C-alpha cells in the first residue's frame, strides 16, 4: 500500500510562483506611483447666505404695547405681510380712539384761522391802495390851492407895485403942493385936497400890503397842511402796513402749526398701522419668546425670529493662514454637508460620492478671533445642484481642489513636509472663464 501523506505535505518538488507575483506587484506599485493625484486642502465651514435679507431676521415690536391677540405659533410658515400679533396702546398720549379725527379738527380750525388772516391781508391791501389814492388826491388838492394862492400873490404883488408907483407919484405931488402952499401959490383947500389924495393912496398901499402878507400866510398854512397831510397819511399807511405784516406773520405761523398738526395726523395714522406686527418676508416663525395675552412689550423688543424660506445658499469656510495663499477666487471646492452620506476619495474627487461642487467667490482679508480666514463658496454652475434640504447654520466639510500631481510627487512632498503647490496660471485662467460663463 502506497502512502500519500508525504506528497501532500511537502511540495519541494513543485514549481513556485512567488517571484512572478512579486514582479507583478512591483509593476503595479510602480504604475500606481505615476497615477494622477489631486492635491487639496481640507477645511470646515457652515452653510450661510450671501444676502443679508435672506438671513434669519429678528421680529421686533415697533411701538410699546400690550399683546391682545396672537395669529401664529412656533414653526408656522407665513407669507410676507401676514399678521404675527396684534398690539394695543399703553401710552396715555395715544389712548383716545378718536385721536386722529380730533387732530384733523385742529388742522381744519387752524386752516380757518389762516384763511381769516389771508382775507384780512387782502382787505389791508385794499386799505393801503385806498389810503395811497386818498393821499394823492388830498395832496393834489393842496397843490391846486397853493397854485391858486401863488397866482393871487402874484396879482397882489403886481397891484402893490402899481400902488407903490401911484404912492410915489402922489407923494411927489403932495410935496410940490406943500412947497407951493408954503410959498402962497395955492390955497389951503387945494393943499388939503392933495393931502387927502396922498393919504388915500397910502391907505390903499397899506391895505394891499396886508392882503399880500395874508396871502403869504395862507400859502404857508397850506404848505403846513400839506406836510401834515403827508405825515398823517404816512402814519396811517405805516399802521395799515404793520397790520398787514402782522396778518402775514399770523398766516406763516398758522401754516407752520398746520404742517405740525398734519405731521401729527400722519404719525398717528402710521402708528395705528403699527398695532399689527407683520411678517417682513416669506419664511418660518421660530423662537417666539413672548407668550400669553396682555403681556407688555417695550419698543424694539424682540418677539421672535423669522427664517426666510427663499434663500440663495452659500458656504463659509475657514482657512488656516498657512493655506490662505493656496486659495484663489474661482477655485473649485468639494462640499460634504452634514447629514448627507458621502464616500470621499481625497486624491480623486471626481470619483467621490455624496460631494457637491462649489466655487470660491470671495476671500476676506481680515483674520477672525480664532485665527482663521473666511472664504465664501457658492454652488458651481452646471454641476450637481446642492440639496434643497440644507439649512443656514448646518456644518460643512470642504475640500479645496488644487493641482493634479503624480502620486510619487505627493508622497515625496509629504515625506519632506513641503506644502501643496500654488495654483498655476492655467487654473486661474480657467476660474476666470468659469466666472465669465455664469
Protein backbone atom coordinates (compact mmCIF):
# COMPACT_ATOMS: atom_id res chain seq x y z
CA UNK A 1 0.00 0.00 0.00
CA UNK A 2 1.43 3.44 -1.08
CA UNK A 3 1.47 6.32 1.43
CA UNK A 4 0.43 9.75 0.02
CA UNK A 5 0.88 11.87 3.15
CA UNK A 6 4.46 12.78 2.31
CA UNK A 7 3.46 14.01 -1.11
CA UNK A 8 0.58 16.10 0.28
CA UNK A 9 2.73 17.82 2.96
CA UNK A 10 5.98 18.57 1.14
CA UNK A 11 5.90 20.50 -2.19
CA UNK A 12 9.60 20.99 -2.75
CA UNK A 13 9.34 19.15 -5.98
CA UNK A 14 6.58 21.59 -7.25
CA UNK A 15 7.26 24.90 -9.15
CA UNK A 16 6.96 28.28 -7.09
CA UNK A 17 5.04 31.47 -8.41
CA UNK A 18 6.23 33.87 -5.71
CA UNK A 19 8.73 35.57 -7.94
CA UNK A 20 6.16 36.16 -10.62
CA UNK A 21 3.65 37.60 -8.19
CA UNK A 22 6.34 39.79 -6.65
CA UNK A 23 7.26 41.20 -10.03
CA UNK A 24 3.61 41.80 -10.92
CA UNK A 25 3.03 43.56 -7.57
CA UNK A 26 6.13 45.68 -8.05
CA UNK A 27 5.00 46.70 -11.53
CA UNK A 28 1.57 47.61 -10.17
CA UNK A 29 3.11 49.75 -7.42
CA UNK A 30 5.39 51.42 -9.95
CA UNK A 31 2.50 52.20 -12.25
CA UNK A 32 0.50 53.43 -9.28
CA UNK A 33 3.21 55.91 -8.39
CA UNK A 34 2.65 57.62 -11.75
CA UNK A 35 -1.14 57.83 -11.43
CA UNK A 36 -2.56 61.38 -11.04
CA UNK A 37 -3.30 62.68 -7.56
CA UNK A 38 -5.31 65.83 -6.88
CA UNK A 39 -3.83 67.97 -4.14
CA UNK A 40 -6.37 69.54 -1.79
CA UNK A 41 -6.93 71.44 1.41
CA UNK A 42 -9.44 70.14 3.91
CA UNK A 43 -11.42 72.86 5.71
CA UNK A 44 -14.52 73.14 7.85
CA UNK A 45 -17.37 75.59 7.49
CA UNK A 46 -21.08 76.24 7.79
CA UNK A 47 -23.99 76.93 5.49
CA UNK A 48 -24.83 80.63 5.14
CA UNK A 49 -26.20 83.02 2.51
CA UNK A 50 -24.68 85.87 0.56
CA UNK A 51 -27.55 88.32 1.12
CA UNK A 52 -28.40 89.97 4.41
CA UNK A 53 -32.14 89.94 3.73
CA UNK A 54 -32.03 86.13 3.42
CA UNK A 55 -30.57 85.59 6.87
CA UNK A 56 -32.79 84.85 9.90
CA UNK A 57 -34.46 88.12 10.88
CA UNK A 58 -35.46 89.23 14.34
CA UNK A 59 -39.08 90.30 14.83
CA UNK A 60 -39.32 93.45 16.92
CA UNK A 61 -42.16 95.41 18.42
CA UNK A 62 -42.20 98.78 16.60
CA UNK A 63 -44.00 100.50 19.49
CA UNK A 64 -44.55 99.80 23.17
CA UNK A 65 -47.83 97.98 23.58
CA UNK A 66 -49.87 95.20 25.11
CA UNK A 67 -50.39 91.90 23.30
CA UNK A 68 -54.08 91.29 22.71
CA UNK A 69 -54.00 88.53 20.08
CA UNK A 70 -51.58 86.02 18.52
CA UNK A 71 -52.04 84.88 14.92
CA UNK A 72 -49.13 82.39 14.66
CA UNK A 73 -47.28 79.80 16.71
CA UNK A 74 -43.77 78.41 16.65
CA UNK A 75 -43.00 76.57 13.41
CA UNK A 76 -45.71 78.24 11.29
CA UNK A 77 -44.85 79.27 7.75
CA UNK A 78 -46.00 82.76 6.82
CA UNK A 79 -46.10 84.92 3.72
CA UNK A 80 -44.83 88.45 3.51
CA UNK A 81 -47.38 90.78 5.12
CA UNK A 82 -49.10 88.08 7.24
CA UNK A 83 -50.07 89.24 10.73
CA UNK A 84 -47.96 87.90 13.60
CA UNK A 85 -49.71 89.52 16.55
CA UNK A 86 -51.90 92.49 17.48
CA UNK A 87 -50.95 95.18 19.99
CA UNK A 88 -52.91 97.74 21.98
CA UNK A 89 -51.72 101.12 23.24
CA UNK A 90 -50.29 101.51 26.72
CA UNK A 91 -49.29 105.19 26.48
CA UNK A 92 -51.90 107.68 27.65
CA UNK A 93 -50.99 110.09 24.84
CA UNK A 94 -52.42 107.69 22.23
CA UNK A 95 -55.33 106.02 24.03
CA UNK A 96 -58.01 108.33 22.59
CA UNK A 97 -59.87 106.28 19.99
CA UNK A 98 -60.74 109.50 18.10
CA UNK A 99 -57.23 110.92 18.28
CA UNK A 100 -56.82 111.19 14.50
CA UNK A 101 -60.24 112.80 13.99
CA UNK A 102 -59.70 115.33 16.77
CA UNK A 103 -56.28 116.26 15.43
CA UNK A 104 -57.79 116.68 11.96
CA UNK A 105 -60.37 119.04 13.50
CA UNK A 106 -57.49 121.07 14.92
CA UNK A 107 -55.95 121.16 11.45
CA UNK A 108 -59.22 122.42 9.95
CA UNK A 109 -59.54 125.06 12.69
CA UNK A 110 -56.01 126.28 12.02
CA UNK A 111 -56.77 126.39 8.31
CA UNK A 112 -59.83 128.54 9.08
CA UNK A 113 -57.67 130.94 11.09
CA UNK A 114 -55.18 131.08 8.24
CA UNK A 115 -57.97 131.80 5.74
CA UNK A 116 -59.23 134.62 8.01
CA UNK A 117 -55.80 136.24 8.11
CA UNK A 118 -55.41 135.79 4.36
CA UNK A 119 -58.70 137.65 3.90
CA UNK A 120 -57.51 140.30 6.32
CA UNK A 121 -54.31 140.68 4.33
CA UNK A 122 -56.40 141.18 1.19
CA UNK A 123 -58.56 143.79 2.94
CA UNK A 124 -55.49 145.54 4.31
CA UNK A 125 -54.01 145.66 0.83
CA UNK A 126 -57.21 147.36 -0.38
CA UNK A 127 -56.96 149.80 2.51
CA UNK A 128 -53.38 150.61 1.54
CA UNK A 129 -54.48 151.30 -2.02
CA UNK A 130 -57.35 153.49 -0.79
CA UNK A 131 -55.10 155.43 1.58
CA UNK A 132 -52.50 155.90 -1.16
CA UNK A 133 -55.21 157.16 -3.51
CA UNK A 134 -56.64 159.46 -0.79
CA UNK A 135 -53.20 160.85 -0.06
CA UNK A 136 -52.55 161.60 -3.73
CA UNK A 137 -55.96 163.25 -4.08
CA UNK A 138 -55.52 165.37 -0.97
CA UNK A 139 -52.02 166.41 -2.00
CA UNK A 140 -53.30 167.25 -5.47
CA UNK A 141 -55.99 169.47 -3.92
CA UNK A 142 -53.44 171.24 -1.75
CA UNK A 143 -51.15 171.74 -4.73
CA UNK A 144 -54.02 173.33 -6.63
CA UNK A 145 -54.80 175.56 -3.67
CA UNK A 146 -51.12 176.57 -3.36
CA UNK A 147 -51.07 177.29 -7.09
CA UNK A 148 -54.17 179.47 -6.72
CA UNK A 149 -52.64 181.32 -3.79
CA UNK A 150 -49.40 181.83 -5.74
CA UNK A 151 -51.42 183.33 -8.59
CA UNK A 152 -53.27 185.53 -6.12
CA UNK A 153 -49.93 186.50 -4.58
CA UNK A 154 -48.56 187.44 -7.98
CA UNK A 155 -51.65 189.58 -8.70
CA UNK A 156 -51.39 191.29 -5.34
CA UNK A 157 -47.67 191.88 -5.85
CA UNK A 158 -48.48 193.48 -9.23
CA UNK A 159 -51.21 195.56 -7.58
CA UNK A 160 -48.75 196.52 -4.83
CA UNK A 161 -46.22 197.55 -7.43
CA UNK A 162 -48.80 199.73 -9.18
CA UNK A 163 -49.93 201.19 -5.88
CA UNK A 164 -46.30 201.85 -4.91
CA UNK A 165 -45.80 203.76 -8.12
CA UNK A 166 -49.01 205.65 -7.55
CA UNK A 167 -47.97 206.41 -3.98
CA UNK A 168 -44.62 207.67 -5.18
CA UNK A 169 -46.38 209.91 -7.67
CA UNK A 170 -48.92 211.07 -5.08
CA UNK A 171 -46.15 211.76 -2.59
CA UNK A 172 -44.25 213.79 -5.16
CA UNK A 173 -47.38 215.79 -5.96
CA UNK A 174 -48.05 216.26 -2.25
CA UNK A 175 -44.51 217.59 -1.68
CA UNK A 176 -44.81 220.04 -4.58
CA UNK A 177 -48.23 221.13 -3.38
CA UNK A 178 -46.87 221.74 0.11
CA UNK A 179 -43.98 223.77 -1.26
CA UNK A 180 -46.38 225.84 -3.33
CA UNK A 181 -48.63 226.25 -0.30
CA UNK A 182 -45.69 227.39 1.75
CA UNK A 183 -44.89 229.94 -0.95
CA UNK A 184 -48.52 231.06 -1.07
CA UNK A 185 -49.09 229.92 -4.56
CA UNK A 186 -52.02 227.59 -3.72
CA UNK A 187 -54.78 227.81 -1.23
CA UNK A 188 -55.14 225.75 1.91
CA UNK A 189 -58.12 223.96 0.38
CA UNK A 190 -56.10 222.78 -2.57
CA UNK A 191 -53.29 221.65 -0.27
CA UNK A 192 -55.75 219.74 1.92
CA UNK A 193 -57.30 218.04 -1.11
CA UNK A 194 -53.85 216.94 -2.28
CA UNK A 195 -53.07 215.70 1.23
CA UNK A 196 -56.30 213.71 1.30
CA UNK A 197 -55.43 212.12 -2.03
CA UNK A 198 -51.98 211.23 -0.78
CA UNK A 199 -53.41 209.69 2.41
CA UNK A 200 -55.91 207.68 0.39
CA UNK A 201 -53.17 206.22 -1.81
CA UNK A 202 -51.08 205.44 1.25
CA UNK A 203 -54.03 203.70 2.87
CA UNK A 204 -54.61 201.64 -0.27
CA UNK A 205 -50.96 200.60 -0.34
CA UNK A 206 -51.16 199.57 3.30
CA UNK A 207 -54.28 197.53 2.59
CA UNK A 208 -52.54 195.84 -0.33
CA UNK A 209 -49.53 195.12 1.91
CA UNK A 210 -51.83 193.47 4.42
CA UNK A 211 -53.55 191.43 1.71
CA UNK A 212 -50.16 190.36 0.37
CA UNK A 213 -49.00 189.34 3.84
CA UNK A 214 -52.26 187.46 4.40
CA UNK A 215 -51.85 185.62 1.11
CA UNK A 216 -48.30 184.61 2.07
CA UNK A 217 -49.59 183.37 5.41
CA UNK A 218 -52.26 181.35 3.62
CA UNK A 219 -49.58 179.81 1.38
CA UNK A 220 -47.50 178.92 4.45
CA UNK A 221 -50.62 177.48 6.13
CA UNK A 222 -51.41 175.36 3.07
CA UNK A 223 -47.81 174.12 2.91
CA UNK A 224 -48.04 173.21 6.60
CA UNK A 225 -51.32 171.45 5.89
CA UNK A 226 -49.62 169.63 3.01
CA UNK A 227 -46.83 168.43 5.30
CA UNK A 228 -49.38 167.47 7.95
CA UNK A 229 -51.35 165.54 5.34
CA UNK A 230 -48.22 163.68 4.24
CA UNK A 231 -47.36 162.91 7.87
CA UNK A 232 -50.93 161.80 8.66
CA UNK A 233 -51.22 159.55 5.63
CA UNK A 234 -47.72 158.15 6.21
CA UNK A 235 -48.74 157.23 9.74
CA UNK A 236 -51.96 155.65 8.52
CA UNK A 237 -50.15 153.75 5.77
CA UNK A 238 -47.47 152.57 8.21
CA UNK A 239 -50.11 151.38 10.67
CA UNK A 240 -52.04 149.60 7.94
CA UNK A 241 -48.83 148.06 6.55
CA UNK A 242 -47.98 146.93 10.08
CA UNK A 243 -51.38 145.28 10.36
CA UNK A 244 -50.81 143.59 7.00
CA UNK A 245 -47.39 142.29 8.05
CA UNK A 246 -48.83 141.11 11.37
CA UNK A 247 -51.53 139.21 9.48
CA UNK A 248 -48.91 137.73 7.16
CA UNK A 249 -46.92 136.66 10.22
CA UNK A 250 -50.06 135.03 11.61
CA UNK A 251 -50.51 133.25 8.27
CA UNK A 252 -46.96 131.91 8.37
CA UNK A 253 -47.40 130.88 12.00
CA UNK A 254 -50.68 129.16 11.17
CA UNK A 255 -49.05 127.43 8.20
CA UNK A 256 -46.30 126.11 10.48
CA UNK A 257 -48.83 124.91 13.05
CA UNK A 258 -50.91 123.30 10.30
CA UNK A 259 -47.84 121.48 8.99
CA UNK A 260 -47.03 120.33 12.51
CA UNK A 261 -50.57 119.09 13.11
CA UNK A 262 -50.69 117.37 9.72
CA UNK A 263 -47.41 115.70 10.63
CA UNK A 264 -49.00 114.53 13.87
CA UNK A 265 -52.02 113.21 11.94
CA UNK A 266 -49.71 111.29 9.60
CA UNK A 267 -47.75 109.94 12.58
CA UNK A 268 -50.94 108.90 14.37
CA UNK A 269 -52.22 107.11 11.26
CA UNK A 270 -48.85 105.41 10.77
CA UNK A 271 -48.81 104.42 14.44
CA UNK A 272 -52.25 102.84 14.11
CA UNK A 273 -50.76 100.73 11.31
CA UNK A 274 -48.11 99.52 13.75
CA UNK A 275 -50.64 97.89 16.04
CA UNK A 276 -50.26 94.77 13.87
CA UNK A 277 -46.80 93.18 13.69
CA UNK A 278 -46.50 91.61 10.24
CA UNK A 279 -44.01 89.30 8.57
CA UNK A 280 -41.29 91.14 6.66
CA UNK A 281 -40.82 88.26 4.17
CA UNK A 282 -41.77 84.68 3.40
CA UNK A 283 -40.44 82.27 5.98
CA UNK A 284 -40.93 80.22 9.13
CA UNK A 285 -41.64 81.65 12.56
CA UNK A 286 -39.32 80.26 15.25
CA UNK A 287 -38.10 81.13 18.75
CA UNK A 288 -41.15 83.10 19.86
CA UNK A 289 -40.15 84.36 23.30
CA UNK A 290 -43.37 86.08 24.39
CA UNK A 291 -46.45 84.25 25.50
CA UNK A 292 -49.97 84.85 26.61
CA UNK A 293 -52.38 87.73 26.24
CA UNK A 294 -51.85 91.06 27.97
CA UNK A 295 -48.07 90.87 28.15
CA UNK A 296 -46.41 94.27 27.78
CA UNK A 297 -43.79 94.78 25.08
CA UNK A 298 -41.21 97.53 25.07
CA UNK A 299 -40.31 99.47 21.97
CA UNK A 300 -37.95 97.46 19.65
CA UNK A 301 -38.17 94.46 22.00
CA UNK A 302 -37.54 91.12 20.28
CA UNK A 303 -40.58 88.90 19.76
CA UNK A 304 -39.07 86.01 17.83
CA UNK A 305 -37.26 85.10 14.62
CA UNK A 306 -38.39 84.58 11.04
CA UNK A 307 -36.26 82.28 8.90
CA UNK A 308 -36.61 83.11 5.17
CA UNK A 309 -37.89 80.30 3.01
CA UNK A 310 -36.28 81.61 -0.19
CA UNK A 311 -32.51 81.52 0.31
CA UNK A 312 -29.56 81.55 -2.06
CA UNK A 313 -27.29 79.29 -0.06
CA UNK A 314 -23.54 79.67 0.22
CA UNK A 315 -20.86 78.07 2.36
CA UNK A 316 -18.42 79.94 4.54
CA UNK A 317 -15.18 78.02 5.03
CA UNK A 318 -12.39 78.91 7.44
CA UNK A 319 -8.83 78.55 6.21
CA UNK A 320 -5.58 78.50 8.17
CA UNK A 321 -3.15 81.32 7.41
CA UNK A 322 -0.61 78.80 6.07
CA UNK A 323 -3.13 77.60 3.46
CA UNK A 324 -4.51 81.03 2.57
CA UNK A 325 -2.07 81.68 -0.34
CA UNK A 326 -3.30 78.46 -1.98
CA UNK A 327 -6.86 79.76 -2.35
CA UNK A 328 -7.95 81.86 -5.33
CA UNK A 329 -11.25 83.37 -6.38
CA UNK A 330 -12.92 80.93 -8.78
CA UNK A 331 -11.22 77.89 -7.21
CA UNK A 332 -13.20 74.65 -7.05
CA UNK A 333 -14.28 73.32 -3.64
CA UNK A 334 -15.99 69.98 -2.98
CA UNK A 335 -18.53 70.25 -0.16
CA UNK A 336 -19.76 67.47 2.12
CA UNK A 337 -22.86 68.59 4.02
CA UNK A 338 -23.63 67.23 7.47
CA UNK A 339 -26.43 64.66 7.37
CA UNK A 340 -25.78 63.65 3.76
CA UNK A 341 -23.84 60.37 3.27
CA UNK A 342 -20.63 60.68 1.31
CA UNK A 343 -17.74 58.48 0.26
CA UNK A 344 -14.70 60.69 -0.25
CA UNK A 345 -11.53 59.73 -2.09
CA UNK A 346 -9.22 62.54 -1.13
CA UNK A 347 -6.94 62.31 -4.15
CA UNK A 348 -9.67 61.55 -6.68
CA UNK A 349 -12.53 64.00 -6.03
CA UNK A 350 -14.26 63.14 -9.29
CA UNK A 351 -14.74 59.56 -8.09
CA UNK A 352 -16.13 60.60 -4.68
CA UNK A 353 -19.77 60.03 -3.87
CA UNK A 354 -22.05 62.43 -1.99
CA UNK A 355 -19.95 65.57 -2.56
CA UNK A 356 -21.24 68.77 -4.13
CA UNK A 357 -19.19 71.13 -6.23
CA UNK A 358 -18.73 74.76 -5.26
CA UNK A 359 -16.68 77.74 -6.33
CA UNK A 360 -14.86 80.38 -4.25
CA UNK A 361 -16.24 83.85 -4.92
CA UNK A 362 -14.66 85.89 -2.12
CA UNK A 363 -11.80 85.64 0.35
CA UNK A 364 -11.84 88.01 3.30
CA UNK A 365 -8.63 89.84 4.14
CA UNK A 366 -9.11 90.04 7.90
CA UNK A 367 -8.46 87.24 10.36
CA UNK A 368 -11.13 86.26 12.88
CA UNK A 369 -10.81 85.67 16.61
CA UNK A 370 -9.99 82.01 16.02
CA UNK A 371 -7.00 82.87 13.85
CA UNK A 372 -8.65 81.77 10.59
CA UNK A 373 -9.55 83.49 7.35
CA UNK A 374 -13.07 83.25 5.94
CA UNK A 375 -13.88 82.44 2.33
CA UNK A 376 -17.30 82.23 0.65
CA UNK A 377 -18.26 79.39 -1.67
CA UNK A 378 -21.33 79.22 -3.90
CA UNK A 379 -22.86 76.45 -5.95
CA UNK A 380 -20.90 75.70 -9.12
CA UNK A 381 -22.89 76.27 -12.29
CA UNK A 382 -23.51 73.26 -14.49
CA UNK A 383 -22.68 70.79 -11.69
CA UNK A 384 -24.89 68.65 -9.47
CA UNK A 385 -27.16 71.05 -7.59
CA UNK A 386 -26.86 71.38 -3.87
CA UNK A 387 -29.52 69.54 -1.85
CA UNK A 388 -32.55 71.71 -1.03
CA UNK A 389 -32.73 70.22 2.49
CA UNK A 390 -29.68 72.15 3.75
CA UNK A 391 -30.32 74.94 6.23
CA UNK A 392 -28.43 78.02 7.31
CA UNK A 393 -26.03 77.08 10.10
CA UNK A 394 -25.55 73.44 9.09
CA UNK A 395 -21.99 72.07 9.16
CA UNK A 396 -19.93 71.53 6.02
CA UNK A 397 -16.69 69.73 5.30
CA UNK A 398 -14.85 71.39 2.42
CA UNK A 399 -12.12 70.08 0.14
CA UNK A 400 -10.41 72.86 -1.79
CA UNK A 401 -9.11 71.34 -5.04
CA UNK A 402 -5.53 72.23 -6.03
CA UNK A 403 -3.19 70.93 -8.74
CA UNK A 404 -3.08 67.45 -10.25
CA UNK A 405 0.31 65.78 -9.50
CA UNK A 406 1.69 62.18 -9.66
CA UNK A 407 1.30 60.04 -6.57
CA UNK A 408 5.06 59.73 -6.19
CA UNK A 409 5.33 63.53 -6.06
CA UNK A 410 2.65 63.77 -3.39
CA UNK A 411 4.39 61.06 -1.31
CA UNK A 412 7.71 62.83 -1.71
CA UNK A 413 6.11 66.17 -0.74
CA UNK A 414 4.56 64.73 2.43
CA UNK A 415 7.74 62.90 3.43
CA UNK A 416 9.68 66.16 3.15
CA UNK A 417 6.94 68.27 4.75
CA UNK A 418 6.55 70.56 1.73
CA UNK A 419 3.22 72.46 1.28
CA UNK A 420 0.96 71.77 -1.69
CA UNK A 421 1.77 73.50 -4.97
CA UNK A 422 0.48 77.03 -5.60
CA UNK A 423 -2.27 77.48 -8.09
CA UNK A 424 -0.95 77.73 -11.63
CA UNK A 425 -1.82 80.43 -14.12
CA UNK A 426 -3.69 77.86 -16.18
CA UNK A 427 -6.07 77.09 -13.33
CA UNK A 428 -6.56 80.78 -12.60
CA UNK A 429 -7.44 81.40 -16.24
CA UNK A 430 -9.92 78.52 -16.08
CA UNK A 431 -11.55 80.05 -12.99
CA UNK A 432 -11.84 83.39 -14.80
CA UNK A 433 -13.51 81.69 -17.76
CA UNK A 434 -15.95 79.95 -15.41
CA UNK A 435 -16.90 83.31 -13.92
CA UNK A 436 -17.48 84.78 -17.39
CA UNK A 437 -19.82 81.94 -18.38
CA UNK A 438 -22.18 82.48 -15.43
